[in-house]
Amino acid sequence: MLNSTILHNLSPEEFTNRFQRLEDLIINITSTIAKKQIIEFVSREEVADILKCDISTVHNWTKKGYLKKYSMGDGKILYRLQEVLDAPKHIPSFNKRK
């Protein structure tokens, strides 16, 4: 009797239904988590490293609107990594480099 489980007032069909709903819930949660995109932020120095330019160039491109900065509460300026990776398509002088 130690290795068995006794369920009172629960038919086999109801047990199967509850188990199926639990399985559906797990699948739903898993797919929701997989769909969420994690937004990664990088500093100005990291942007300069990624784009192989000077920090002053990052500042100028931000002023011109080629890069969008995000100010954090502590005064730190960050950039979204994906936007930085897409930036060369929108920066005319960047495409003239050899």
PDB file of N, CA and C in Angstrom:
ATOM      1  N   MET A   1       0.814  -1.198   0.000  1.00  0.00           N
ATOM      2  CA  MET A   1       0.000   0.000   0.000  1.00  0.00           C
ATOM      3  C   MET A   1       0.861   1.267   0.000  1.00  0.00           C
ATOM      4  N   LEU A   2       2.156   1.170   0.317  1.00  0.00           N
ATOM      5  CA  LEU A   2       3.017   2.340   0.354  1.00  0.00           C
ATOM      6  C   LEU A   2       3.333   2.882  -1.035  1.00  0.00           C
ATOM      7  N   ASN A   3       3.292   2.054  -2.051  1.00  0.00           N
ATOM      8  CA  ASN A   3       3.634   2.482  -3.408  1.00  0.00           C
ATOM      9  C   ASN A   3       2.419   2.825  -4.252  1.00  0.00           C
ATOM     10  N   SER A   4       1.265   3.008  -3.651  1.00  0.00           N
ATOM     11  CA  SER A   4       0.066   3.296  -4.431  1.00  0.00           C
ATOM     12  C   SER A   4      -0.537   4.625  -3.997  1.00  0.00           C
ATOM     13  N   THR A   5      -1.304   5.210  -4.900  1.00  0.00           N
ATOM     14  CA  THR A   5      -1.993   6.467  -4.628  1.00  0.00           C
ATOM     15  C   THR A   5      -3.480   6.220  -4.766  1.00  0.00           C
ATOM     16  N   ILE A   6      -4.232   6.655  -3.797  1.00  0.00           N
ATOM     17  CA  ILE A   6      -5.678   6.470  -3.824  1.00  0.00           C
ATOM     18  C   ILE A   6      -6.322   7.834  -4.022  1.00  0.00           C
ATOM     19  N   LEU A   7      -7.159   7.961  -5.043  1.00  0.00           N
ATOM     20  CA  LEU A   7      -7.869   9.197  -5.311  1.00  0.00           C
ATOM     21  C   LEU A   7      -9.337   8.992  -4.978  1.00  0.00           C
ATOM     22  N   HIS A   8      -9.856   9.772  -4.059  1.00  0.00           N
ATOM     23  CA  HIS A   8     -11.258   9.674  -3.664  1.00  0.00           C
ATOM     24  C   HIS A   8     -12.087  10.653  -4.482  1.00  0.00           C
ATOM     25  N   ASN A   9     -13.253  10.239  -4.848  1.00  0.00           N
ATOM     26  CA  ASN A   9     -14.226  11.082  -5.549  1.00  0.00           C
ATOM     27  C   ASN A   9     -13.683  11.641  -6.864  1.00  0.00           C
ATOM     28  N   LEU A  10     -12.859  10.881  -7.548  1.00  0.00           N
ATOM     29  CA  LEU A  10     -12.308  11.323  -8.823  1.00  0.00           C
ATOM     30  C   LEU A  10     -12.360  10.151  -9.802  1.00  0.00           C
ATOM     31  N   SER A  11     -13.176  10.323 -10.830  1.00  0.00           N
ATOM     32  CA  SER A  11     -13.309   9.246 -11.810  1.00  0.00           C
ATOM     33  C   SER A  11     -12.078   9.214 -12.706  1.00  0.00           C
ATOM     34  N   PRO A  12     -11.832   8.092 -13.361  1.00  0.00           N
ATOM     35  CA  PRO A  12     -10.696   8.019 -14.290  1.00  0.00           C
ATOM     36  C   PRO A  12     -10.779   9.071 -15.395  1.00  0.00           C
ATOM     37  N   GLU A  13     -11.993   9.376 -15.854  1.00  0.00           N
ATOM     38  CA  GLU A  13     -12.172  10.384 -16.904  1.00  0.00           C
ATOM     39  C   GLU A  13     -11.799  11.775 -16.389  1.00  0.00           C
ATOM     40  N   GLU A  14     -12.245  12.083 -15.159  1.00  0.00           N
ATOM     41  CA  GLU A  14     -11.913  13.385 -14.578  1.00  0.00           C
ATOM     42  C   GLU A  14     -10.412  13.502 -14.327  1.00  0.00           C
ATOM     43  N   PHE A  15      -9.802  12.437 -13.878  1.00  0.00           N
ATOM     44  CA  PHE A  15      -8.350  12.430 -13.689  1.00  0.00           C
ATOM     45  C   PHE A  15      -7.640  12.693 -15.015  1.00  0.00           C
ATOM     46  N   THR A  16      -8.076  12.028 -16.079  1.00  0.00           N
ATOM     47  CA  THR A  16      -7.495  12.214 -17.414  1.00  0.00           C
ATOM     48  C   THR A  16      -7.692  13.647 -17.891  1.00  0.00           C
ATOM     49  N   ASN A  17      -8.878  14.211 -17.658  1.00  0.00           N
ATOM     50  CA  ASN A  17      -9.155  15.593 -18.069  1.00  0.00           C
ATOM     51  C   ASN A  17      -8.256  16.584 -17.336  1.00  0.00           C
ATOM     52  N   ARG A  18      -8.106  16.387 -16.039  1.00  0.00           N
ATOM     53  CA  ARG A  18      -7.244  17.280 -15.257  1.00  0.00           C
ATOM     54  C   ARG A  18      -5.789  17.175 -15.702  1.00  0.00           C
ATOM     55  N   PHE A  19      -5.355  15.980 -15.954  1.00  0.00           N
ATOM     56  CA  PHE A  19      -3.986  15.777 -16.416  1.00  0.00           C
ATOM     57  C   PHE A  19      -3.785  16.427 -17.786  1.00  0.00           C
ATOM     58  N   GLN A  20      -4.774  16.311 -18.679  1.00  0.00           N
ATOM     59  CA  GLN A  20      -4.684  16.918 -20.012  1.00  0.00           C
ATOM     60  C   GLN A  20      -4.643  18.450 -19.903  1.00  0.00           C
ATOM     61  N   ARG A  21      -5.466  19.022 -19.004  1.00  0.00           N
ATOM     62  CA  ARG A  21      -5.448  20.479 -18.817  1.00  0.00           C
ATOM     63  C   ARG A  21      -4.107  20.944 -18.279  1.00  0.00           C
ATOM     64  N   LEU A  22      -3.523  20.170 -17.385  1.00  0.00           N
ATOM     65  CA  LEU A  22      -2.202  20.497 -16.858  1.00  0.00           C
ATOM     66  C   LEU A  22      -1.153  20.448 -17.967  1.00  0.00           C
ATOM     67  N   GLU A  23      -1.229  19.439 -18.793  1.00  0.00           N
ATOM     68  CA  GLU A  23      -0.295  19.324 -19.915  1.00  0.00           C
ATOM     69  C   GLU A  23      -0.456  20.501 -20.886  1.00  0.00           C
ATOM     70  N   ASP A  24      -1.701  20.868 -21.194  1.00  0.00           N
ATOM     71  CA  ASP A  24      -1.960  22.014 -22.075  1.00  0.00           C
ATOM     72  C   ASP A  24      -1.423  23.309 -21.476  1.00  0.00           C
ATOM     73  N   LEU A  25      -1.580  23.471 -20.173  1.00  0.00           N
ATOM     74  CA  LEU A  25      -1.074  24.666 -19.495  1.00  0.00           C
ATOM     75  C   LEU A  25       0.445  24.732 -19.577  1.00  0.00           C
ATOM     76  N   ILE A  26       1.119  23.626 -19.386  1.00  0.00           N
ATOM     77  CA  ILE A  26       2.582  23.588 -19.476  1.00  0.00           C
ATOM     78  C   ILE A  26       3.037  23.928 -20.887  1.00  0.00           C
ATOM     79  N   ILE A  27       2.364  23.393 -21.886  1.00  0.00           N
ATOM     80  CA  ILE A  27       2.708  23.692 -23.286  1.00  0.00           C
ATOM     81  C   ILE A  27       2.493  25.170 -23.578  1.00  0.00           C
ATOM     82  N   ASN A  28       1.402  25.738 -23.086  1.00  0.00           N
ATOM     83  CA  ASN A  28       1.101  27.158 -23.298  1.00  0.00           C
ATOM     84  C   ASN A  28       2.158  28.047 -22.654  1.00  0.00           C
ATOM     85  N   ILE A  29       2.520  27.747 -21.426  1.00  0.00           N
ATOM     86  CA  ILE A  29       3.537  28.539 -20.721  1.00  0.00           C
ATOM     87  C   ILE A  29       4.875  28.430 -21.436  1.00  0.00           C
ATOM     88  N   THR A  30       5.241  27.240 -21.852  1.00  0.00           N
ATOM     89  CA  THR A  30       6.512  27.030 -22.550  1.00  0.00           C
ATOM     90  C   THR A  30       6.562  27.813 -23.849  1.00  0.00           C
ATOM     91  N   SER A  31       5.481  27.782 -24.621  1.00  0.00           N
ATOM     92  CA  SER A  31       5.485  28.516 -25.898  1.00  0.00           C
ATOM     93  C   SER A  31       5.487  30.022 -25.670  1.00  0.00           C
ATOM     94  N   THR A  32       4.827  30.503 -24.615  1.00  0.00           N
ATOM     95  CA  THR A  32       4.816  31.930 -24.304  1.00  0.00           C
ATOM     96  C   THR A  32       6.212  32.405 -23.936  1.00  0.00           C
ATOM     97  N   ILE A  33       6.908  31.634 -23.124  1.00  0.00           N
ATOM     98  CA  ILE A  33       8.268  31.995 -22.736  1.00  0.00           C
ATOM     99  C   ILE A  33       9.185  31.996 -23.948  1.00  0.00           C
ATOM    100  N   ALA A  34       9.018  31.038 -24.842  1.00  0.00           N
ATOM    101  CA  ALA A  34       9.862  30.951 -26.027  1.00  0.00           C
ATOM    102  C   ALA A  34       9.631  32.132 -26.967  1.00  0.00           C
ATOM    103  N   LYS A  35       8.410  32.678 -26.994  1.00  0.00           N
ATOM    104  CA  LYS A  35       8.079  33.783 -27.893  1.00  0.00           C
ATOM    105  C   LYS A  35       8.593  35.122 -27.391  1.00  0.00           C
ATOM    106  N   LYS A  36       8.795  35.240 -26.080  1.00  0.00           N
ATOM    107  CA  LYS A  36       9.243  36.518 -25.530  1.00  0.00           C
ATOM    108  C   LYS A  36      10.659  36.814 -25.998  1.00  0.00           C
ATOM    109  N   GLN A  37      10.828  38.025 -26.463  1.00  0.00           N
ATOM    110  CA  GLN A  37      12.144  38.450 -26.924  1.00  0.00           C
ATOM    111  C   GLN A  37      12.852  39.173 -25.779  1.00  0.00           C
ATOM    112  N   ILE A  38      14.023  38.745 -25.505  1.00  0.00           N
ATOM    113  CA  ILE A  38      14.805  39.393 -24.468  1.00  0.00           C
ATOM    114  C   ILE A  38      15.537  40.575 -25.096  1.00  0.00           C
ATOM    115  N   ILE A  39      15.333  41.752 -24.532  1.00  0.00           N
ATOM    116  CA  ILE A  39      15.969  42.958 -25.048  1.00  0.00           C
ATOM    117  C   ILE A  39      17.267  43.166 -24.290  1.00  0.00           C
ATOM    118  N   GLU A  40      18.359  43.165 -25.035  1.00  0.00           N
ATOM    119  CA  GLU A  40      19.659  43.359 -24.410  1.00  0.00           C
ATOM    120  C   GLU A  40      20.136  44.780 -24.693  1.00  0.00           C
ATOM    121  N   PHE A  41      20.653  45.420 -23.663  1.00  0.00           N
ATOM    122  CA  PHE A  41      21.162  46.774 -23.790  1.00  0.00           C
ATOM    123  C   PHE A  41      22.681  46.766 -23.704  1.00  0.00           C
ATOM    124  N   VAL A  42      23.304  47.733 -24.392  1.00  0.00           N
ATOM    125  CA  VAL A  42      24.758  47.872 -24.369  1.00  0.00           C
ATOM    126  C   VAL A  42      25.105  49.329 -24.093  1.00  0.00           C
ATOM    127  N   SER A  43      26.308  49.545 -23.551  1.00  0.00           N
ATOM    128  CA  SER A  43      26.771  50.890 -23.216  1.00  0.00           C
ATOM    129  C   SER A  43      27.329  51.591 -24.459  1.00  0.00           C
ATOM    130  N   ARG A  44      27.621  52.890 -24.320  1.00  0.00           N
ATOM    131  CA  ARG A  44      28.220  53.644 -25.433  1.00  0.00           C
ATOM    132  C   ARG A  44      29.558  53.051 -25.846  1.00  0.00           C
ATOM    133  N   GLU A  45      30.328  52.632 -24.862  1.00  0.00           N
ATOM    134  CA  GLU A  45      31.634  52.038 -25.164  1.00  0.00           C
ATOM    135  C   GLU A  45      31.476  50.746 -25.962  1.00  0.00           C
ATOM    136  N   GLU A  46      30.490  49.955 -25.588  1.00  0.00           N
ATOM    137  CA  GLU A  46      30.238  48.709 -26.312  1.00  0.00           C
ATOM    138  C   GLU A  46      29.731  48.976 -27.727  1.00  0.00           C
ATOM    139  N   VAL A  47      28.921  50.032 -27.876  1.00  0.00           N
ATOM    140  CA  VAL A  47      28.457  50.420 -29.213  1.00  0.00           C
ATOM    141  C   VAL A  47      29.650  50.798 -30.080  1.00  0.00           C
ATOM    142  N   ALA A  48      30.563  51.583 -29.517  1.00  0.00           N
ATOM    143  CA  ALA A  48      31.763  51.985 -30.260  1.00  0.00           C
ATOM    144  C   ALA A  48      32.579  50.760 -30.663  1.00  0.00           C
ATOM    145  N   ASP A  49      32.701  49.787 -29.780  1.00  0.00           N
ATOM    146  CA  ASP A  49      33.428  48.551 -30.108  1.00  0.00           C
ATOM    147  C   ASP A  49      32.722  47.769 -31.206  1.00  0.00           C
ATOM    148  N   ILE A  50      31.403  47.642 -31.102  1.00  0.00           N
ATOM    149  CA  ILE A  50      30.634  46.881 -32.091  1.00  0.00           C
ATOM    150  C   ILE A  50      30.740  47.519 -33.467  1.00  0.00           C
ATOM    151  N   LEU A  51      30.593  48.850 -33.522  1.00  0.00           N
ATOM    152  CA  LEU A  51      30.601  49.558 -34.811  1.00  0.00           C
ATOM    153  C   LEU A  51      32.005  50.001 -35.228  1.00  0.00           C
ATOM    154  N   LYS A  52      32.995  49.677 -34.402  1.00  0.00           N
ATOM    155  CA  LYS A  52      34.399  50.001 -34.688  1.00  0.00           C
ATOM    156  C   LYS A  52      34.566  51.488 -34.997  1.00  0.00           C
ATOM    157  N   CYS A  53      34.136  52.307 -34.031  1.00  0.00           N
ATOM    158  CA  CYS A  53      34.253  53.752 -34.172  1.00  0.00           C
ATOM    159  C   CYS A  53      34.572  54.345 -32.806  1.00  0.00           C
ATOM    160  N   ASP A  54      34.746  55.656 -32.775  1.00  0.00           N
ATOM    161  CA  ASP A  54      35.048  56.368 -31.547  1.00  0.00           C
ATOM    162  C   ASP A  54      33.749  56.690 -30.803  1.00  0.00           C
ATOM    163  N   ILE A  55      33.861  56.900 -29.492  1.00  0.00           N
ATOM    164  CA  ILE A  55      32.674  57.252 -28.697  1.00  0.00           C
ATOM    165  C   ILE A  55      32.072  58.567 -29.166  1.00  0.00           C
ATOM    166  N   SER A  56      32.906  59.494 -29.629  1.00  0.00           N
ATOM    167  CA  SER A  56      32.379  60.771 -30.133  1.00  0.00           C
ATOM    168  C   SER A  56      31.523  60.543 -31.383  1.00  0.00           C
ATOM    169  N   THR A  57      31.871  59.556 -32.186  1.00  0.00           N
ATOM    170  CA  THR A  57      31.068  59.214 -33.365  1.00  0.00           C
ATOM    171  C   THR A  57      29.717  58.650 -32.930  1.00  0.00           C
ATOM    172  N   VAL A  58      29.721  57.827 -31.895  1.00  0.00           N
ATOM    173  CA  VAL A  58      28.460  57.306 -31.352  1.00  0.00           C
ATOM    174  C   VAL A  58      27.589  58.471 -30.887  1.00  0.00           C
ATOM    175  N   HIS A  59      28.202  59.436 -30.222  1.00  0.00           N
ATOM    176  CA  HIS A  59      27.471  60.624 -29.759  1.00  0.00           C
ATOM    177  C   HIS A  59      26.874  61.384 -30.947  1.00  0.00           C
ATOM    178  N   ASN A  60      27.681  61.607 -31.983  1.00  0.00           N
ATOM    179  CA  ASN A  60      27.198  62.345 -33.161  1.00  0.00           C
ATOM    180  C   ASN A  60      26.075  61.600 -33.875  1.00  0.00           C
ATOM    181  N   TRP A  61      26.206  60.286 -34.022  1.00  0.00           N
ATOM    182  CA  TRP A  61      25.157  59.498 -34.677  1.00  0.00           C
ATOM    183  C   TRP A  61      23.874  59.498 -33.853  1.00  0.00           C
ATOM    184  N   THR A  62      24.021  59.568 -32.538  1.00  0.00           N
ATOM    185  CA  THR A  62      22.842  59.651 -31.669  1.00  0.00           C
ATOM    186  C   THR A  62      22.156  60.998 -31.862  1.00  0.00           C
ATOM    187  N   LYS A  63      22.948  62.086 -31.919  1.00  0.00           N
ATOM    188  CA  LYS A  63      22.380  63.424 -32.132  1.00  0.00           C
ATOM    189  C   LYS A  63      21.663  63.511 -33.475  1.00  0.00           C
ATOM    190  N   LYS A  64      22.205  62.844 -34.499  1.00  0.00           N
ATOM    191  CA  LYS A  64      21.601  62.876 -35.836  1.00  0.00           C
ATOM    192  C   LYS A  64      20.393  61.939 -35.949  1.00  0.00           C
ATOM    193  N   GLY A  65      20.196  61.103 -34.939  1.00  0.00           N
ATOM    194  CA  GLY A  65      19.031  60.216 -34.945  1.00  0.00           C
ATOM    195  C   GLY A  65      19.288  58.844 -35.547  1.00  0.00           C
ATOM    196  N   TYR A  66      20.515  58.545 -35.903  1.00  0.00           N
ATOM    197  CA  TYR A  66      20.841  57.229 -36.450  1.00  0.00           C
ATOM    198  C   TYR A  66      20.798  56.151 -35.365  1.00  0.00           C
ATOM    199  N   LEU A  67      21.130  56.543 -34.148  1.00  0.00           N
ATOM    200  CA  LEU A  67      21.086  55.645 -33.002  1.00  0.00           C
ATOM    201  C   LEU A  67      20.129  56.233 -31.974  1.00  0.00           C
ATOM    202  N   LYS A  68      19.364  55.384 -31.328  1.00  0.00           N
ATOM    203  CA  LYS A  68      18.446  55.848 -30.294  1.00  0.00           C
ATOM    204  C   LYS A  68      19.000  55.448 -28.939  1.00  0.00           C
ATOM    205  N   LYS A  69      19.124  56.442 -28.062  1.00  0.00           N
ATOM    206  CA  LYS A  69      19.652  56.169 -26.731  1.00  0.00           C
ATOM    207  C   LYS A  69      18.504  56.007 -25.747  1.00  0.00           C
ATOM    208  N   TYR A  70      18.785  55.253 -24.700  1.00  0.00           N
ATOM    209  CA  TYR A  70      17.832  55.028 -23.620  1.00  0.00           C
ATOM    210  C   TYR A  70      18.513  55.441 -22.331  1.00  0.00           C
ATOM    211  N   SER A  71      17.918  56.404 -21.641  1.00  0.00           N
ATOM    212  CA  SER A  71      18.488  56.891 -20.381  1.00  0.00           C
ATOM    213  C   SER A  71      17.920  56.082 -19.231  1.00  0.00           C
ATOM    214  N   MET A  72      18.810  55.579 -18.414  1.00  0.00           N
ATOM    215  CA  MET A  72      18.389  54.834 -17.234  1.00  0.00           C
ATOM    216  C   MET A  72      18.280  55.806 -16.062  1.00  0.00           C
ATOM    217  N   GLY A  73      17.643  55.388 -15.010  1.00  0.00           N
ATOM    218  CA  GLY A  73      17.395  56.245 -13.857  1.00  0.00           C
ATOM    219  C   GLY A  73      18.644  56.813 -13.222  1.00  0.00           C
ATOM    220  N   ASP A  74      19.749  56.100 -13.318  1.00  0.00           N
ATOM    221  CA  ASP A  74      20.984  56.570 -12.693  1.00  0.00           C
ATOM    222  C   ASP A  74      21.812  57.454 -13.622  1.00  0.00           C
ATOM    223  N   GLY A  75      21.230  57.872 -14.752  1.00  0.00           N
ATOM    224  CA  GLY A  75      21.918  58.748 -15.692  1.00  0.00           C
ATOM    225  C   GLY A  75      22.736  58.011 -16.730  1.00  0.00           C
ATOM    226  N   LYS A  76      22.746  56.698 -16.675  1.00  0.00           N
ATOM    227  CA  LYS A  76      23.524  55.914 -17.628  1.00  0.00           C
ATOM    228  C   LYS A  76      22.787  55.850 -18.965  1.00  0.00           C
ATOM    229  N   ILE A  77      23.534  55.990 -20.043  1.00  0.00           N
ATOM    230  CA  ILE A  77      22.979  55.921 -21.386  1.00  0.00           C
ATOM    231  C   ILE A  77      23.245  54.522 -21.938  1.00  0.00           C
ATOM    232  N   LEU A  78      22.187  53.885 -22.416  1.00  0.00           N
ATOM    233  CA  LEU A  78      22.309  52.564 -23.020  1.00  0.00           C
ATOM    234  C   LEU A  78      21.637  52.546 -24.384  1.00  0.00           C
ATOM    235  N   TYR A  79      21.983  51.561 -25.177  1.00  0.00           N
ATOM    236  CA  TYR A  79      21.431  51.379 -26.513  1.00  0.00           C
ATOM    237  C   TYR A  79      20.949  49.941 -26.631  1.00  0.00           C
ATOM    238  N   ARG A  80      19.879  49.739 -27.387  1.00  0.00           N
ATOM    239  CA  ARG A  80      19.407  48.372 -27.629  1.00  0.00           C
ATOM    240  C   ARG A  80      20.357  47.700 -28.625  1.00  0.00           C
ATOM    241  N   LEU A  81      20.802  46.514 -28.267  1.00  0.00           N
ATOM    242  CA  LEU A  81      21.778  45.804 -29.088  1.00  0.00           C
ATOM    243  C   LEU A  81      21.261  45.588 -30.504  1.00  0.00           C
ATOM    244  N   GLN A  82      20.037  45.157 -30.658  1.00  0.00           N
ATOM    245  CA  GLN A  82      19.507  44.885 -31.997  1.00  0.00           C
ATOM    246  C   GLN A  82      19.463  46.152 -32.843  1.00  0.00           C
ATOM    247  N   GLU A  83      19.135  47.287 -32.243  1.00  0.00           N
ATOM    248  CA  GLU A  83      19.120  48.552 -32.974  1.00  0.00           C
ATOM    249  C   GLU A  83      20.533  48.946 -33.398  1.00  0.00           C
ATOM    250  N   VAL A  84      21.509  48.670 -32.548  1.00  0.00           N
ATOM    251  CA  VAL A  84      22.912  48.964 -32.885  1.00  0.00           C
ATOM    252  C   VAL A  84      23.353  48.090 -34.054  1.00  0.00           C
ATOM    253  N   LEU A  85      22.980  46.822 -34.029  1.00  0.00           N
ATOM    254  CA  LEU A  85      23.368  45.916 -35.115  1.00  0.00           C
ATOM    255  C   LEU A  85      22.701  46.291 -36.433  1.00  0.00           C
ATOM    256  N   ASP A  86      21.510  46.886 -36.364  1.00  0.00           N
ATOM    257  CA  ASP A  86      20.791  47.317 -37.573  1.00  0.00           C
ATOM    258  C   ASP A  86      21.196  48.714 -38.043  1.00  0.00           C
ATOM    259  N   ALA A  87      21.887  49.469 -37.217  1.00  0.00           N
ATOM    260  CA  ALA A  87      22.219  50.867 -37.505  1.00  0.00           C
ATOM    261  C   ALA A  87      23.008  51.081 -38.790  1.00  0.00           C
ATOM    262  N   PRO A  88      23.983  50.254 -39.132  1.00  0.00           N
ATOM    263  CA  PRO A  88      24.759  50.534 -40.352  1.00  0.00           C
ATOM    264  C   PRO A  88      23.916  50.689 -41.611  1.00  0.00           C
ATOM    265  N   LYS A  89      22.760  50.087 -41.660  1.00  0.00           N
ATOM    266  CA  LYS A  89      21.878  50.234 -42.823  1.00  0.00           C
ATOM    267  C   LYS A  89      21.369  51.661 -42.961  1.00  0.00           C
ATOM    268  N   HIS A  90      21.306  52.381 -41.838  1.00  0.00           N
ATOM    269  CA  HIS A  90      20.707  53.713 -41.813  1.00  0.00           C
ATOM    270  C   HIS A  90      21.720  54.851 -41.728  1.00  0.00           C
ATOM    271  N   ILE A  91      22.980  54.522 -41.606  1.00  0.00           N
ATOM    272  CA  ILE A  91      24.019  55.559 -41.456  1.00  0.00           C
ATOM    273  C   ILE A  91      24.755  55.694 -42.793  1.00  0.00           C
ATOM    274  N   PRO A  92      24.524  56.817 -43.513  1.00  0.00           N
ATOM    275  CA  PRO A  92      25.154  56.970 -44.834  1.00  0.00           C
ATOM    276  C   PRO A  92      26.680  56.891 -44.806  1.00  0.00           C
ATOM    277  N   SER A  93      27.308  57.563 -43.859  1.00  0.00           N
ATOM    278  CA  SER A  93      28.777  57.574 -43.827  1.00  0.00           C
ATOM    279  C   SER A  93      29.350  56.204 -43.464  1.00  0.00           C
ATOM    280  N   PHE A  94      28.579  55.390 -42.787  1.00  0.00           N
ATOM    281  CA  PHE A  94      29.054  54.070 -42.402  1.00  0.00           C
ATOM    282  C   PHE A  94      29.230  53.177 -43.627  1.00  0.00           C
ATOM    283  N   ASN A  95      28.349  53.324 -44.586  1.00  0.00           N
ATOM    284  CA  ASN A  95      28.385  52.497 -45.781  1.00  0.00           C
ATOM    285  C   ASN A  95      29.490  52.898 -46.750  1.00  0.00           C
ATOM    286  N   LYS A  96      30.102  54.083 -46.542  1.00  0.00           N
ATOM    287  CA  LYS A  96      31.196  54.540 -47.414  1.00  0.00           C
ATOM    288  C   LYS A  96      32.555  54.035 -46.950  1.00  0.00           C
ATOM    289  N   ARG A  97      32.598  53.387 -45.790  1.00  0.00           N
ATOM    290  CA  ARG A  97      33.881  52.896 -45.262  1.00  0.00           C
ATOM    291  C   ARG A  97      34.432  51.796 -46.159  1.00  0.00           C
ATOM    292  N   LYS A  98      35.758  51.723 -46.137  1.00  0.00           N
ATOM    293  CA  LYS A  98      36.417  50.663 -46.917  1.00  0.00           C
ATOM    294  C   LYS A  98      37.150  49.746 -46.020  1.00  0.00           C
TER     295      LYS A  98
END
